[in-house]
Structures are given as C-alpha cells and as structure tokens.
Amino acid sequence: MVAPLRIGLLLYPGCMPAGLFAFADLLHAANRRGGRRLYETTFVSAQPWTATGPHGTPVRAQDRLPFAGDALLVPGFWAESQADVEAALSANADLVATLRRLGRRCQLWSYCAGVSLLAAAGRLDGRRATATWWLADALRRRHPRVHWAFGQDCVAGERTMTASGTNGHLPIAQALIERDLDAEAFLDLTRLMVLPRPTPGHDAFEQLALIEQGSDCLRDLHRVVERLPASRLTASALAMALGMSSRTLARRVRSETGLSLAAHVRRLKLRQVSDRLVLTSEPASAISAALGFSSESNMRRAFKAVTGMTPGDYRRRHGRR
C-alpha cells in the first residue's frame, strides 16, 4: 500500500490558521471518500509555540521545522497594506531563513500573503507562482526571478504550489484531490461539505469590501466612490468630499494600497459593476447607466482592462444562477 502524503501545516506568529483547519478537514474527507489514507496532516512550527485557533482554542504544533514530511503548507497572515507585509517579513526573519534551508525533497505550498514568505526565502526563484493581486507590484519588484502569474488563482509546479486569496487553501486542496482521486471525487466533496466552488479568474476585487479597508481615510473614500457617478470621480471632487487636498489624498492612497488614486478608485467603482453582474440579471447597459459611467463602451473597456473579461464572460463565470 502506498504511504500517505505527509503534509505539515505551518503555524507561525501572526498567521491566519483558519485555512489550515479547513484544509485538514477537506483532506480528511478525501481520505474517507477514497477509502484509504491518502493524506496525513500535522501542525508544524519553527519554535515551540501555541497558536490561537477558532473561538480562542489553543493549537500546539506537533512537529518542528525542519519538517521531514513530503510537503509544507504556509498560510497567509493578516495584512492590510504593504507596510504590514514588510513588518510580518521582518518579524518572521528566522522563519524565512529556515524555509530557505529546508530540504529540497519537501514540497512547499502557500497562499495569500504567505507566498511572500516563500518568495523571500528564495524558494520560488525560477518558478511560476501567484499571490493575492494587491501584492503584485511589490512582489514583482522585490522578486524579479519569480515568474509571476497573478491572473491565475492557483499555480502548481513540480515542487511548489501557490494560490491567491485567504481561501487559497481550497484550490490547493482541489489540485491534490483531483490528482490523487479524480475531479468527480472533489465535486462530491464540495456538494457534501457545501463548499464554495473555486473558479478561475481575476481576483482584482478581493479586499475591496468596505469592511476590509484599513483606515478611516480609505473607508470614507470607499463610501464617496460608491455614492458618486463614475463620470464625476475626479481627484478634486474626491478630495473636496473628504476635506483634504488632492495631493494629500493621492499620497495616502498610494501609501496604504500601493496603487495610484486613479487605479484604486477605478477598482472600487468596477467592484460595484462586478457585484451587479454577479447578483442581478441587469444588462450591462443598465448597470453602466445606474453607476454613472459616461458610456457603456467606456465601462466595458475599463472592466476588461482590470479583469481580462467582458462583462458577459464575467457573469457567465461568476454569476449566481
């Protein structure tokens, strides 16, 4: 009988462990569905350390790095800005060094902001990888030897696998289960566990919900952008509504998002388009008019530039039917 794949679930200070629990549950379900022990998961940390899991439950790592198993899953960490990412990398410098030295036999998987730890360790150099979209500019700049593919939800290679978003554990689990069982088995599990179905596509609208904005300034800007027609979203109009100069607003948006004011505002407004495409049956022309775009053609061009899809294609892929 083939030995199960031994997968370490990495705990580290500041990580978001919820995805690790979900990943372990899904692989346990796959073991049940396959009728054999395909996967064996264990919590791992670089130092003796206890994480706080769901509802305050303490979670103690069962193993230590360097991990002698087959694969290590590195979760993301909470970050609302590039400054948060830099702080997390600095705080986990010892972990990055340990990942750099980890034996090449162990596959390395990660999702969301956790990908930046693997990149900092040099373990993605010369390989294709993806990560959360708003990290794209910084990751390209800091790690030019990585072949970034930010338009993809999940990128699987021979020794690495990376995924975007806080639910990036899901497409990684999907890739494993479809490889070791089949696509039908994964579909059975999504039905049984009522899982969101991962869909390929651009994640440009992630972390743009009002609740996810990292400061009062960004939250106030979000509200103004949602309220104003698209054709009136000029820097001067936004600055006036927020009671600051255009230059100050642009500087704060750049500092907190890594994007120019125009790019950030464009994504906020197009997120409204996305929501209506997903949640309603309104035609694109009606959505464009309701949100105050100067023309439907301008809305369509802007939407495709950000998502890589026409509104019709986007609705067919993401719409709730």
Protein backbone atom coordinates (compact mmCIF):
# COMPACT_ATOMS: atom_id res chain seq x y z
CA MET A 1 0.00 0.00 0.00
CA VAL A 2 1.29 3.47 -0.89
CA ALA A 3 2.22 5.54 2.17
CA PRO A 4 0.09 8.64 2.78
CA LEU A 5 1.41 12.06 1.77
CA ARG A 6 2.72 13.67 4.97
CA ILE A 7 1.75 17.36 4.97
CA GLY A 8 2.92 19.87 7.55
CA LEU A 9 0.57 22.74 8.39
CA LEU A 10 2.81 25.64 9.39
CA LEU A 11 1.97 27.77 12.41
CA TYR A 12 3.90 31.00 12.96
CA PRO A 13 3.32 34.27 14.83
CA GLY A 14 0.68 36.36 13.10
CA CYS A 15 -0.54 33.64 10.76
CA MET A 16 -4.21 33.09 9.95
CA PRO A 17 -4.70 29.43 10.95
CA ALA A 18 -8.35 29.02 9.93
CA GLY A 19 -7.41 27.91 6.41
CA LEU A 20 -5.18 25.20 7.85
CA PHE A 21 -8.09 23.71 9.79
CA ALA A 22 -10.30 23.81 6.70
CA PHE A 23 -7.54 22.25 4.59
CA ALA A 24 -7.06 19.42 7.10
CA ASP A 25 -10.82 18.78 7.24
CA LEU A 26 -11.05 18.63 3.46
CA LEU A 27 -8.17 16.17 3.18
CA HIS A 28 -9.73 14.04 5.93
CA ALA A 29 -12.92 13.98 3.87
CA ALA A 30 -10.87 12.98 0.82
CA ASN A 31 -9.40 10.07 2.80
CA ARG A 32 -12.94 8.96 3.63
CA ARG A 33 -14.10 9.39 0.03
CA GLY A 34 -11.12 7.45 -1.32
CA GLY A 35 -11.47 4.65 1.20
CA ARG A 36 -7.79 4.85 2.11
CA ARG A 37 -5.36 7.13 3.91
CA LEU A 38 -4.12 9.41 1.14
CA TYR A 39 -3.06 12.32 3.35
CA GLU A 40 -1.68 12.74 6.84
CA THR A 41 -1.58 16.25 8.28
CA THR A 42 0.31 17.57 11.28
CA PHE A 43 0.80 21.07 12.70
CA VAL A 44 4.38 22.30 12.48
CA SER A 45 6.22 25.36 13.80
CA ALA A 46 9.76 26.69 13.77
CA GLN A 47 9.77 27.18 17.55
CA PRO A 48 7.76 25.81 20.49
CA TRP A 49 4.71 27.97 20.15
CA THR A 50 0.95 27.79 20.62
CA ALA A 51 -1.40 29.42 18.13
CA THR A 52 -4.87 30.63 18.96
CA GLY A 53 -7.36 28.83 16.76
CA PRO A 54 -11.08 29.36 16.16
CA HIS A 55 -13.02 30.61 19.21
CA GLY A 56 -9.79 31.04 21.17
CA THR A 57 -8.86 27.36 21.11
CA PRO A 58 -5.11 26.94 21.64
CA VAL A 59 -3.36 24.92 18.94
CA ARG A 60 0.07 23.48 19.69
CA ALA A 61 2.37 22.36 16.91
CA GLN A 62 3.04 18.62 16.93
CA ASP A 63 6.28 18.82 14.97
CA ARG A 64 9.15 21.23 14.48
CA LEU A 65 10.96 22.61 11.47
CA PRO A 66 12.88 21.38 9.60
CA PHE A 67 9.93 19.17 8.64
CA ALA A 68 10.81 15.69 7.38
CA GLY A 69 7.50 15.17 5.60
CA ASP A 70 6.51 15.42 1.95
CA ALA A 71 5.01 18.92 1.83
CA LEU A 72 4.60 22.06 3.94
CA LEU A 73 1.60 24.39 3.67
CA VAL A 74 2.38 28.01 4.60
CA PRO A 75 -0.79 30.02 5.39
CA GLY A 76 -1.22 33.74 4.93
CA PHE A 77 -1.05 36.40 7.61
CA TRP A 78 -3.24 39.40 8.30
CA ALA A 79 -2.11 42.37 6.23
CA GLU A 80 -3.93 45.47 5.05
CA SER A 81 -1.01 47.27 3.44
CA GLN A 82 2.45 46.71 2.05
CA ALA A 83 3.81 48.09 5.32
CA ASP A 84 2.05 45.24 7.16
CA VAL A 85 3.71 42.75 4.81
CA GLU A 86 7.14 44.26 5.43
CA ALA A 87 6.55 44.12 9.18
CA ALA A 88 5.50 40.46 9.01
CA LEU A 89 8.56 39.55 6.95
CA SER A 90 10.81 41.31 9.44
CA ALA A 91 9.11 39.65 12.43
CA ASN A 92 9.48 36.24 10.79
CA ALA A 93 13.05 36.64 9.52
CA ASP A 94 14.14 33.46 11.33
CA LEU A 95 11.29 31.52 9.72
CA VAL A 96 12.29 32.81 6.28
CA ALA A 97 15.84 31.62 6.91
CA THR A 98 14.55 28.21 7.99
CA LEU A 99 12.41 27.92 4.85
CA ARG A 100 15.46 28.81 2.78
CA ARG A 101 17.39 25.90 4.33
CA LEU A 102 14.54 23.39 4.21
CA GLY A 103 15.39 20.22 2.29
CA ARG A 104 14.51 20.24 -1.40
CA ARG A 105 12.64 16.97 -1.02
CA CYS A 106 9.82 18.77 0.83
CA GLN A 107 7.29 20.42 -1.48
CA LEU A 108 6.31 23.97 -0.49
CA TRP A 109 2.77 25.26 -0.85
CA SER A 110 1.37 28.63 0.17
CA TYR A 111 -1.49 31.03 -0.37
CA CYS A 112 -2.44 34.66 0.12
CA ALA A 113 0.25 36.79 1.80
CA GLY A 114 2.08 33.63 2.89
CA VAL A 115 3.50 33.43 -0.62
CA SER A 116 5.71 36.41 0.25
CA LEU A 117 7.48 34.25 2.86
CA LEU A 118 8.38 31.61 0.26
CA ALA A 119 9.48 34.31 -2.17
CA ALA A 120 11.65 35.97 0.49
CA ALA A 121 13.24 32.58 1.18
CA GLY A 122 14.17 32.27 -2.49
CA ARG A 123 12.13 29.09 -2.86
CA LEU A 124 10.11 30.45 -5.79
CA ASP A 125 13.07 31.69 -7.85
CA GLY A 126 12.86 30.42 -11.41
CA ARG A 127 9.35 29.04 -10.82
CA ARG A 128 5.85 30.17 -11.72
CA ALA A 129 3.78 31.47 -8.82
CA THR A 130 0.76 33.56 -7.96
CA ALA A 131 -0.37 35.55 -4.92
CA THR A 132 -3.04 38.00 -3.82
CA TRP A 133 -3.45 40.65 -6.52
CA TRP A 134 -2.67 43.73 -4.40
CA LEU A 135 0.77 42.33 -3.61
CA ALA A 136 1.61 42.07 -7.30
CA ASP A 137 3.62 45.27 -7.77
CA ALA A 138 5.72 44.78 -4.64
CA LEU A 139 6.37 41.09 -5.30
CA ARG A 140 7.41 41.75 -8.89
CA ARG A 141 9.77 44.46 -7.72
CA ARG A 142 11.28 42.51 -4.82
CA HIS A 143 11.46 39.10 -6.51
CA PRO A 144 12.13 39.53 -10.24
CA ARG A 145 13.46 35.96 -10.56
CA VAL A 146 9.99 34.54 -9.87
CA HIS A 147 7.74 34.02 -12.91
CA TRP A 148 4.63 35.68 -11.51
CA ALA A 149 1.21 34.73 -12.90
CA PHE A 150 -1.17 36.92 -10.91
CA GLY A 151 -4.06 36.28 -13.28
CA GLN A 152 -4.35 32.70 -12.01
CA ASP A 153 -5.98 31.51 -8.80
CA CYS A 154 -3.58 28.61 -8.37
CA VAL A 155 -0.23 27.75 -9.93
CA ALA A 156 1.07 24.21 -9.43
CA GLY A 157 4.61 23.14 -10.24
CA GLU A 158 6.74 20.11 -9.55
CA ARG A 159 7.96 21.29 -6.13
CA THR A 160 5.78 24.32 -5.34
CA MET A 161 2.13 25.31 -5.39
CA THR A 162 0.80 28.82 -4.73
CA ALA A 163 -2.69 30.29 -4.64
CA SER A 164 -4.25 33.73 -4.22
CA GLY A 165 -6.66 34.95 -1.56
CA THR A 166 -7.43 34.00 2.04
CA ASN A 167 -9.29 30.92 0.78
CA GLY A 168 -6.29 29.85 -1.29
CA HIS A 169 -6.11 26.59 0.66
CA LEU A 170 -9.17 25.46 -1.29
CA PRO A 171 -7.72 25.38 -4.85
CA ILE A 172 -4.56 23.76 -3.42
CA ALA A 173 -6.68 21.01 -1.85
CA GLN A 174 -8.65 20.74 -5.08
CA ALA A 175 -5.47 20.18 -7.10
CA LEU A 176 -4.34 17.43 -4.72
CA ILE A 177 -7.67 15.62 -4.59
CA GLU A 178 -8.23 15.77 -8.34
CA ARG A 179 -4.70 14.43 -8.87
CA ASP A 180 -4.89 11.61 -6.32
CA LEU A 181 -8.57 10.70 -6.78
CA ASP A 182 -10.36 12.50 -9.60
CA ALA A 183 -12.43 15.60 -10.38
CA GLU A 184 -15.66 13.76 -9.59
CA ALA A 185 -14.42 13.00 -6.09
CA PHE A 186 -13.69 16.66 -5.44
CA LEU A 187 -17.11 17.62 -6.79
CA ASP A 188 -18.70 15.10 -4.41
CA LEU A 189 -16.88 16.72 -1.50
CA THR A 190 -17.92 20.24 -2.50
CA ARG A 191 -21.54 19.07 -2.52
CA LEU A 192 -21.26 17.14 0.74
CA MET A 193 -19.46 19.93 2.59
CA VAL A 194 -21.31 22.75 0.78
CA LEU A 195 -18.02 24.35 -0.20
CA PRO A 196 -17.67 27.44 -2.36
CA ARG A 197 -16.53 26.26 -5.75
CA PRO A 198 -13.18 27.80 -6.70
CA THR A 199 -13.39 29.47 -10.07
CA PRO A 200 -10.51 30.63 -12.24
CA GLY A 201 -10.41 34.32 -12.92
CA HIS A 202 -9.00 37.65 -11.82
CA ASP A 203 -9.18 38.46 -8.10
CA ALA A 204 -8.88 42.22 -8.61
CA PHE A 205 -11.89 42.90 -6.41
CA GLU A 206 -10.65 41.00 -3.34
CA GLN A 207 -10.15 43.03 -0.17
CA LEU A 208 -12.12 45.94 -1.61
CA ALA A 209 -15.18 45.46 0.59
CA LEU A 210 -15.86 48.43 2.87
CA ILE A 211 -15.20 46.35 6.00
CA GLU A 212 -11.76 45.40 4.68
CA GLN A 213 -10.47 48.94 4.22
CA GLY A 214 -7.52 49.52 6.51
CA SER A 215 -8.10 53.11 7.65
CA ASP A 216 -10.79 55.74 8.15
CA CYS A 217 -9.49 57.56 5.08
CA LEU A 218 -9.92 54.51 2.83
CA ARG A 219 -13.33 53.72 4.30
CA ASP A 220 -14.53 57.30 3.77
CA LEU A 221 -13.16 57.27 0.23
CA HIS A 222 -14.94 53.97 -0.42
CA ARG A 223 -18.27 55.47 0.63
CA VAL A 224 -17.79 58.55 -1.55
CA VAL A 225 -16.83 56.47 -4.60
CA GLU A 226 -19.88 54.26 -4.19
CA ARG A 227 -22.15 57.29 -3.91
CA LEU A 228 -20.82 59.40 -6.81
CA PRO A 229 -21.40 58.64 -10.50
CA ALA A 230 -18.34 57.17 -12.22
CA SER A 231 -18.07 60.18 -14.52
CA ARG A 232 -17.62 62.53 -11.54
CA LEU A 233 -14.84 60.61 -9.78
CA THR A 234 -12.11 63.19 -10.26
CA ALA A 235 -9.28 63.72 -7.79
CA SER A 236 -10.51 67.22 -6.98
CA ALA A 237 -14.10 66.08 -6.36
CA LEU A 238 -12.99 63.23 -4.11
CA ALA A 239 -10.56 65.43 -2.18
CA MET A 240 -13.23 68.08 -1.64
CA ALA A 241 -15.69 65.46 -0.36
CA LEU A 242 -13.07 64.19 2.09
CA GLY A 243 -11.89 67.62 3.21
CA MET A 244 -8.27 67.34 2.11
CA SER A 245 -6.09 68.34 -0.81
CA SER A 246 -5.82 66.18 -3.92
CA ARG A 247 -2.12 65.70 -3.27
CA THR A 248 -2.68 64.53 0.31
CA LEU A 249 -5.39 62.10 -0.78
CA ALA A 250 -3.23 60.67 -3.56
CA ARG A 251 -0.28 60.27 -1.19
CA ARG A 252 -2.35 58.48 1.47
CA VAL A 253 -3.96 56.11 -1.03
CA ARG A 254 -0.58 55.25 -2.53
CA SER A 255 0.90 54.66 0.92
CA GLU A 256 -1.93 52.42 2.11
CA THR A 257 -2.77 50.46 -1.06
CA GLY A 258 0.31 50.64 -3.24
CA LEU A 259 -1.90 51.94 -6.05
CA SER A 260 -2.39 55.36 -7.56
CA LEU A 261 -5.56 57.20 -6.57
CA ALA A 262 -6.99 56.73 -10.07
CA ALA A 263 -6.28 52.97 -10.11
CA HIS A 264 -7.74 52.40 -6.64
CA VAL A 265 -10.88 54.42 -7.36
CA ARG A 266 -11.33 52.64 -10.69
CA ARG A 267 -11.26 49.26 -8.95
CA LEU A 268 -13.72 50.42 -6.30
CA LYS A 269 -16.21 51.56 -8.92
CA LEU A 270 -15.73 48.47 -11.07
CA ARG A 271 -16.34 46.35 -8.00
CA GLN A 272 -19.85 47.77 -8.00
CA VAL A 273 -20.15 46.64 -11.61
CA SER A 274 -18.89 43.20 -10.58
CA ASP A 275 -21.43 42.92 -7.75
CA ARG A 276 -24.32 43.74 -10.08
CA LEU A 277 -23.11 41.31 -12.72
CA VAL A 278 -22.87 38.55 -10.13
CA LEU A 279 -26.01 39.25 -8.10
CA THR A 280 -28.51 40.62 -10.64
CA SER A 281 -29.70 39.98 -14.18
CA GLU A 282 -29.44 43.65 -15.18
CA PRO A 283 -27.95 44.15 -18.65
CA ALA A 284 -24.55 45.81 -18.86
CA SER A 285 -26.12 48.93 -20.36
CA ALA A 286 -28.41 49.37 -17.33
CA ILE A 287 -25.54 48.79 -14.89
CA SER A 288 -23.39 51.35 -16.70
CA ALA A 289 -26.14 53.96 -16.59
CA ALA A 290 -27.04 53.28 -12.95
CA LEU A 291 -23.44 53.70 -11.83
CA GLY A 292 -22.92 56.87 -13.83
CA PHE A 293 -20.35 55.83 -16.43
CA SER A 294 -20.02 58.26 -19.32
CA SER A 295 -20.85 55.46 -21.74
CA GLU A 296 -21.36 51.71 -21.77
CA SER A 297 -18.35 51.26 -24.04
CA ASN A 298 -16.10 53.09 -21.55
CA MET A 299 -17.37 50.87 -18.73
CA ARG A 300 -16.76 47.74 -20.81
CA ARG A 301 -13.21 48.79 -21.70
CA ALA A 302 -12.33 49.59 -18.10
CA PHE A 303 -13.86 46.36 -16.82
CA LYS A 304 -11.98 44.20 -19.30
CA ALA A 305 -8.71 46.02 -18.60
CA VAL A 306 -8.97 45.11 -14.90
CA THR A 307 -10.46 41.60 -15.11
CA GLY A 308 -9.41 40.36 -18.53
CA MET A 309 -13.06 39.50 -19.23
CA THR A 310 -16.03 41.17 -20.84
CA PRO A 311 -19.00 41.78 -18.51
CA GLY A 312 -20.85 38.93 -20.24
CA ASP A 313 -17.99 36.48 -19.75
CA TYR A 314 -17.62 37.58 -16.14
CA ARG A 315 -21.30 36.99 -15.41
CA ARG A 316 -21.22 33.56 -17.02
CA ARG A 317 -18.23 32.56 -14.91
CA HIS A 318 -19.11 34.15 -11.57
CA GLY A 319 -22.86 34.83 -11.66
CA ARG A 320 -25.12 33.21 -9.07
CA ARG A 321 -27.53 31.29 -11.19
